[in-house]
């Protein structure tokens, strides 16, 4: 639920934008980006293009710090 989602973001000190309609596999973004498993990480530019598919949070952090 929304409270658990927000609490997880806070607990893990996630400081980047996270969005969810809280619909699980029915999530529009999951369908749009063909997410087949979790966790699935995508680095998306301002125009909505996928510019990276990091394998884990460490690789994601490296990609974010490089840009």
PDB file of N, CA and C in Angstrom:
ATOM      1  N   UNK A   1       0.830  -1.184   0.000  1.00  0.00           N
ATOM      2  CA  UNK A   1       0.000   0.000   0.000  1.00  0.00           C
ATOM      3  C   UNK A   1       0.880   1.255   0.000  1.00  0.00           C
ATOM      4  N   UNK A   2       0.265   2.384  -0.145  1.00  0.00           N
ATOM      5  CA  UNK A   2       1.033   3.627  -0.272  1.00  0.00           C
ATOM      6  C   UNK A   2       1.888   3.911   0.952  1.00  0.00           C
ATOM      7  N   UNK A   3       1.377   3.652   2.135  1.00  0.00           N
ATOM      8  CA  UNK A   3       2.146   3.903   3.353  1.00  0.00           C
ATOM      9  C   UNK A   3       3.402   3.036   3.401  1.00  0.00           C
ATOM     10  N   UNK A   4       3.283   1.754   3.050  1.00  0.00           N
ATOM     11  CA  UNK A   4       4.446   0.859   3.016  1.00  0.00           C
ATOM     12  C   UNK A   4       5.452   1.315   1.968  1.00  0.00           C
ATOM     13  N   UNK A   5       4.959   1.748   0.806  1.00  0.00           N
ATOM     14  CA  UNK A   5       5.817   2.229  -0.274  1.00  0.00           C
ATOM     15  C   UNK A   5       6.638   3.428   0.206  1.00  0.00           C
ATOM     16  N   UNK A   6       5.970   4.409   0.786  1.00  0.00           N
ATOM     17  CA  UNK A   6       6.660   5.607   1.278  1.00  0.00           C
ATOM     18  C   UNK A   6       7.614   5.277   2.416  1.00  0.00           C
ATOM     19  N   UNK A   7       7.226   4.358   3.287  1.00  0.00           N
ATOM     20  CA  UNK A   7       8.087   3.970   4.405  1.00  0.00           C
ATOM     21  C   UNK A   7       9.355   3.285   3.890  1.00  0.00           C
ATOM     22  N   UNK A   8       9.219   2.423   2.884  1.00  0.00           N
ATOM     23  CA  UNK A   8      10.387   1.752   2.308  1.00  0.00           C
ATOM     24  C   UNK A   8      11.348   2.768   1.712  1.00  0.00           C
ATOM     25  N   UNK A   9      10.825   3.779   1.015  1.00  0.00           N
ATOM     26  CA  UNK A   9      11.683   4.824   0.450  1.00  0.00           C
ATOM     27  C   UNK A   9      12.444   5.541   1.559  1.00  0.00           C
ATOM     28  N   UNK A  10      11.755   5.824   2.639  1.00  0.00           N
ATOM     29  CA  UNK A  10      12.377   6.505   3.778  1.00  0.00           C
ATOM     30  C   UNK A  10      13.392   5.599   4.468  1.00  0.00           C
ATOM     31  N   UNK A  11      13.019   4.359   4.732  1.00  0.00           N
ATOM     32  CA  UNK A  11      13.896   3.415   5.432  1.00  0.00           C
ATOM     33  C   UNK A  11      15.205   3.190   4.696  1.00  0.00           C
ATOM     34  N   UNK A  12      15.148   3.190   3.377  1.00  0.00           N
ATOM     35  CA  UNK A  12      16.332   2.907   2.564  1.00  0.00           C
ATOM     36  C   UNK A  12      17.002   4.178   2.050  1.00  0.00           C
ATOM     37  N   UNK A  13      16.552   5.323   2.552  1.00  0.00           N
ATOM     38  CA  UNK A  13      17.128   6.625   2.190  1.00  0.00           C
ATOM     39  C   UNK A  13      17.214   6.804   0.670  1.00  0.00           C
ATOM     40  N   UNK A  14      16.170   6.421  -0.028  1.00  0.00           N
ATOM     41  CA  UNK A  14      16.133   6.570  -1.482  1.00  0.00           C
ATOM     42  C   UNK A  14      15.837   8.026  -1.789  1.00  0.00           C
ATOM     43  N   UNK A  15      16.782   8.671  -2.469  1.00  0.00           N
ATOM     44  CA  UNK A  15      16.662  10.107  -2.696  1.00  0.00           C
ATOM     45  C   UNK A  15      16.458  10.463  -4.166  1.00  0.00           C
ATOM     46  N   UNK A  16      16.031   9.500  -4.966  1.00  0.00           N
ATOM     47  CA  UNK A  16      15.688   9.801  -6.343  1.00  0.00           C
ATOM     48  C   UNK A  16      14.194   9.550  -6.526  1.00  0.00           C
ATOM     49  N   UNK A  17      13.655  10.058  -7.597  1.00  0.00           N
ATOM     50  CA  UNK A  17      12.217   9.955  -7.835  1.00  0.00           C
ATOM     51  C   UNK A  17      11.791   8.509  -8.025  1.00  0.00           C
ATOM     52  N   UNK A  18      10.750   8.118  -7.319  1.00  0.00           N
ATOM     53  CA  UNK A  18      10.163   6.786  -7.446  1.00  0.00           C
ATOM     54  C   UNK A  18       8.660   6.967  -7.623  1.00  0.00           C
ATOM     55  N   UNK A  19       8.124   6.265  -8.588  1.00  0.00           N
ATOM     56  CA  UNK A  19       6.707   6.403  -8.889  1.00  0.00           C
ATOM     57  C   UNK A  19       6.042   5.034  -8.942  1.00  0.00           C
ATOM     58  N   UNK A  20       4.824   4.971  -8.476  1.00  0.00           N
ATOM     59  CA  UNK A  20       4.058   3.732  -8.558  1.00  0.00           C
ATOM     60  C   UNK A  20       2.582   4.056  -8.447  1.00  0.00           C
ATOM     61  N   UNK A  21       1.790   3.323  -9.200  1.00  0.00           N
ATOM     62  CA  UNK A  21       0.337   3.393  -9.043  1.00  0.00           C
ATOM     63  C   UNK A  21      -0.116   2.297  -8.084  1.00  0.00           C
ATOM     64  N   UNK A  22       0.890   1.552  -7.557  1.00  0.00           N
ATOM     65  CA  UNK A  22       0.657   0.471  -6.598  1.00  0.00           C
ATOM     66  C   UNK A  22      -0.275  -0.600  -7.164  1.00  0.00           C
ATOM     67  N   UNK A  23      -0.065  -0.922  -8.443  1.00  0.00           N
ATOM     68  CA  UNK A  23      -0.889  -1.926  -9.116  1.00  0.00           C
ATOM     69  C   UNK A  23      -0.100  -3.190  -9.442  1.00  0.00           C
ATOM     70  N   UNK A  24       1.102  -3.323  -8.879  1.00  0.00           N
ATOM     71  CA  UNK A  24       1.896  -4.521  -9.130  1.00  0.00           C
ATOM     72  C   UNK A  24       2.159  -4.721 -10.605  1.00  0.00           C
ATOM     73  N   UNK A  25       1.925  -5.953 -11.090  1.00  0.00           N
ATOM     74  CA  UNK A  25       2.196  -6.262 -12.494  1.00  0.00           C
ATOM     75  C   UNK A  25       1.220  -5.555 -13.417  1.00  0.00           C
ATOM     76  N   UNK A  26       0.153  -4.974 -12.885  1.00  0.00           N
ATOM     77  CA  UNK A  26      -0.774  -4.191 -13.688  1.00  0.00           C
ATOM     78  C   UNK A  26      -0.341  -2.747 -13.831  1.00  0.00           C
ATOM     79  N   UNK A  27       0.816  -2.405 -13.251  1.00  0.00           N
ATOM     80  CA  UNK A  27       1.363  -1.054 -13.303  1.00  0.00           C
ATOM     81  C   UNK A  27       1.597  -0.634 -14.750  1.00  0.00           C
ATOM     82  N   UNK A  28       1.091   0.522 -15.171  1.00  0.00           N
ATOM     83  CA  UNK A  28       1.300   0.971 -16.553  1.00  0.00           C
ATOM     84  C   UNK A  28       2.779   1.020 -16.947  1.00  0.00           C
ATOM     85  N   UNK A  29       3.647   1.496 -16.068  1.00  0.00           N
ATOM     86  CA  UNK A  29       5.073   1.578 -16.400  1.00  0.00           C
ATOM     87  C   UNK A  29       5.672   0.184 -16.587  1.00  0.00           C
ATOM     88  N   UNK A  30       5.217  -0.798 -15.820  1.00  0.00           N
ATOM     89  CA  UNK A  30       5.715  -2.170 -15.989  1.00  0.00           C
ATOM     90  C   UNK A  30       5.376  -2.677 -17.383  1.00  0.00           C
ATOM     91  N   UNK A  31       4.194  -2.357 -17.848  1.00  0.00           N
ATOM     92  CA  UNK A  31       3.797  -2.761 -19.194  1.00  0.00           C
ATOM     93  C   UNK A  31       4.557  -1.964 -20.252  1.00  0.00           C
ATOM     94  N   UNK A  32       4.674  -0.655 -20.055  1.00  0.00           N
ATOM     95  CA  UNK A  32       5.353   0.204 -21.033  1.00  0.00           C
ATOM     96  C   UNK A  32       6.808  -0.196 -21.242  1.00  0.00           C
ATOM     97  N   UNK A  33       7.495  -0.571 -20.144  1.00  0.00           N
ATOM     98  CA  UNK A  33       8.917  -0.895 -20.232  1.00  0.00           C
ATOM     99  C   UNK A  33       9.185  -2.395 -20.202  1.00  0.00           C
ATOM    100  N   UNK A  34       8.147  -3.194 -20.345  1.00  0.00           N
ATOM    101  CA  UNK A  34       8.261  -4.653 -20.414  1.00  0.00           C
ATOM    102  C   UNK A  34       9.035  -5.233 -19.229  1.00  0.00           C
ATOM    103  N   UNK A  35       8.698  -4.775 -18.035  1.00  0.00           N
ATOM    104  CA  UNK A  35       9.319  -5.304 -16.826  1.00  0.00           C
ATOM    105  C   UNK A  35       8.754  -6.701 -16.593  1.00  0.00           C
ATOM    106  N   UNK A  36       9.642  -7.679 -16.522  1.00  0.00           N
ATOM    107  CA  UNK A  36       9.236  -9.071 -16.369  1.00  0.00           C
ATOM    108  C   UNK A  36       9.596  -9.639 -15.002  1.00  0.00           C
ATOM    109  N   UNK A  37      10.426  -8.925 -14.249  1.00  0.00           N
ATOM    110  CA  UNK A  37      10.854  -9.418 -12.945  1.00  0.00           C
ATOM    111  C   UNK A  37      11.220  -8.239 -12.059  1.00  0.00           C
ATOM    112  N   UNK A  38      11.294  -8.488 -10.780  1.00  0.00           N
ATOM    113  CA  UNK A  38      11.731  -7.458  -9.846  1.00  0.00           C
ATOM    114  C   UNK A  38      12.958  -7.965  -9.122  1.00  0.00           C
ATOM    115  N   UNK A  39      13.875  -7.142  -8.736  1.00  0.00           N
ATOM    116  CA  UNK A  39      13.863  -5.739  -9.117  1.00  0.00           C
ATOM    117  C   UNK A  39      14.319  -5.550 -10.559  1.00  0.00           C
ATOM    118  N   UNK A  40      13.734  -4.596 -11.200  1.00  0.00           N
ATOM    119  CA  UNK A  40      14.133  -4.201 -12.544  1.00  0.00           C
ATOM    120  C   UNK A  40      14.514  -2.736 -12.465  1.00  0.00           C
ATOM    121  N   UNK A  41      15.726  -2.408 -12.864  1.00  0.00           N
ATOM    122  CA  UNK A  41      16.209  -1.036 -12.791  1.00  0.00           C
ATOM    123  C   UNK A  41      16.427  -0.491 -14.189  1.00  0.00           C
ATOM    124  N   UNK A  42      15.939   0.709 -14.414  1.00  0.00           N
ATOM    125  CA  UNK A  42      16.122   1.391 -15.679  1.00  0.00           C
ATOM    126  C   UNK A  42      16.524   2.820 -15.387  1.00  0.00           C
ATOM    127  N   UNK A  43      17.492   3.327 -16.121  1.00  0.00           N
ATOM    128  CA  UNK A  43      17.852   4.734 -16.056  1.00  0.00           C
ATOM    129  C   UNK A  43      17.211   5.392 -17.272  1.00  0.00           C
ATOM    130  N   UNK A  44      16.299   6.323 -17.014  1.00  0.00           N
ATOM    131  CA  UNK A  44      15.498   6.932 -18.066  1.00  0.00           C
ATOM    132  C   UNK A  44      15.809   8.416 -18.143  1.00  0.00           C
ATOM    133  N   UNK A  45      16.086   8.905 -19.364  1.00  0.00           N
ATOM    134  CA  UNK A  45      16.404  10.325 -19.512  1.00  0.00           C
ATOM    135  C   UNK A  45      15.127  11.166 -19.508  1.00  0.00           C
ATOM    136  N   UNK A  46      15.295  12.470 -19.588  1.00  0.00           N
ATOM    137  CA  UNK A  46      14.153  13.382 -19.485  1.00  0.00           C
ATOM    138  C   UNK A  46      13.143  13.223 -20.612  1.00  0.00           C
ATOM    139  N   UNK A  47      13.558  12.641 -21.724  1.00  0.00           N
ATOM    140  CA  UNK A  47      12.629  12.454 -22.838  1.00  0.00           C
ATOM    141  C   UNK A  47      11.945  11.086 -22.785  1.00  0.00           C
ATOM    142  N   UNK A  48      12.240  10.315 -21.739  1.00  0.00           N
ATOM    143  CA  UNK A  48      11.587   9.022 -21.557  1.00  0.00           C
ATOM    144  C   UNK A  48      12.295   7.847 -22.201  1.00  0.00           C
ATOM    145  N   UNK A  49      13.509   8.067 -22.719  1.00  0.00           N
ATOM    146  CA  UNK A  49      14.279   6.980 -23.332  1.00  0.00           C
ATOM    147  C   UNK A  49      15.071   6.230 -22.278  1.00  0.00           C
ATOM    148  N   UNK A  50      15.145   4.913 -22.409  1.00  0.00           N
ATOM    149  CA  UNK A  50      15.986   4.112 -21.523  1.00  0.00           C
ATOM    150  C   UNK A  50      17.428   4.319 -21.945  1.00  0.00           C
ATOM    151  N   UNK A  51      18.258   4.794 -21.023  1.00  0.00           N
ATOM    152  CA  UNK A  51      19.666   5.046 -21.323  1.00  0.00           C
ATOM    153  C   UNK A  51      20.592   4.125 -20.534  1.00  0.00           C
ATOM    154  N   UNK A  52      20.031   3.294 -19.673  1.00  0.00           N
ATOM    155  CA  UNK A  52      20.834   2.351 -18.922  1.00  0.00           C
ATOM    156  C   UNK A  52      19.956   1.312 -18.259  1.00  0.00           C
ATOM    157  N   UNK A  53      20.512   0.103 -18.130  1.00  0.00           N
ATOM    158  CA  UNK A  53      19.823  -0.989 -17.444  1.00  0.00           C
ATOM    159  C   UNK A  53      20.798  -1.603 -16.437  1.00  0.00           C
ATOM    160  N   UNK A  54      21.021  -0.896 -15.320  1.00  0.00           N
ATOM    161  CA  UNK A  54      21.969  -1.400 -14.328  1.00  0.00           C
ATOM    162  C   UNK A  54      21.507  -2.730 -13.732  1.00  0.00           C
ATOM    163  N   UNK A  55      22.472  -3.546 -13.361  1.00  0.00           N
ATOM    164  CA  UNK A  55      22.166  -4.858 -12.801  1.00  0.00           C
ATOM    165  C   UNK A  55      21.817  -4.794 -11.313  1.00  0.00           C
ATOM    166  N   UNK A  56      22.287  -3.753 -10.637  1.00  0.00           N
ATOM    167  CA  UNK A  56      22.006  -3.630  -9.204  1.00  0.00           C
ATOM    168  C   UNK A  56      22.116  -2.170  -8.789  1.00  0.00           C
ATOM    169  N   UNK A  57      21.840  -1.924  -7.512  1.00  0.00           N
ATOM    170  CA  UNK A  57      21.840  -0.542  -7.027  1.00  0.00           C
ATOM    171  C   UNK A  57      23.218   0.100  -7.083  1.00  0.00           C
ATOM    172  N   UNK A  58      24.276  -0.697  -6.970  1.00  0.00           N
ATOM    173  CA  UNK A  58      25.633  -0.145  -7.034  1.00  0.00           C
ATOM    174  C   UNK A  58      25.936   0.365  -8.444  1.00  0.00           C
ATOM    175  N   UNK A  59      25.572  -0.415  -9.444  1.00  0.00           N
ATOM    176  CA  UNK A  59      25.792   0.012 -10.825  1.00  0.00           C
ATOM    177  C   UNK A  59      24.919   1.222 -11.150  1.00  0.00           C
ATOM    178  N   UNK A  60      23.705   1.253 -10.614  1.00  0.00           N
ATOM    179  CA  UNK A  60      22.832   2.412 -10.802  1.00  0.00           C
ATOM    180  C   UNK A  60      23.480   3.658 -10.221  1.00  0.00           C
ATOM    181  N   UNK A  61      24.008   3.556  -9.011  1.00  0.00           N
ATOM    182  CA  UNK A  61      24.670   4.707  -8.371  1.00  0.00           C
ATOM    183  C   UNK A  61      25.840   5.177  -9.227  1.00  0.00           C
ATOM    184  N   UNK A  62      26.637   4.248  -9.751  1.00  0.00           N
ATOM    185  CA  UNK A  62      27.776   4.625 -10.606  1.00  0.00           C
ATOM    186  C   UNK A  62      27.290   5.366 -11.848  1.00  0.00           C
ATOM    187  N   UNK A  63      26.224   4.894 -12.459  1.00  0.00           N
ATOM    188  CA  UNK A  63      25.692   5.548 -13.662  1.00  0.00           C
ATOM    189  C   UNK A  63      25.195   6.954 -13.332  1.00  0.00           C
ATOM    190  N   UNK A  64      24.503   7.091 -12.208  1.00  0.00           N
ATOM    191  CA  UNK A  64      23.988   8.402 -11.820  1.00  0.00           C
ATOM    192  C   UNK A  64      25.119   9.373 -11.513  1.00  0.00           C
ATOM    193  N   UNK A  65      26.150   8.892 -10.838  1.00  0.00           N
ATOM    194  CA  UNK A  65      27.273   9.767 -10.481  1.00  0.00           C
ATOM    195  C   UNK A  65      28.089  10.143 -11.712  1.00  0.00           C
ATOM    196  N   UNK A  66      28.087   9.317 -12.742  1.00  0.00           N
ATOM    197  CA  UNK A  66      28.852   9.604 -13.958  1.00  0.00           C
ATOM    198  C   UNK A  66      28.179  10.680 -14.819  1.00  0.00           C
ATOM    199  N   UNK A  67      26.906  10.901 -14.595  1.00  0.00           N
ATOM    200  CA  UNK A  67      26.171  11.853 -15.449  1.00  0.00           C
ATOM    201  C   UNK A  67      25.893  13.121 -14.728  1.00  0.00           C
TER     202      UNK A  67
END
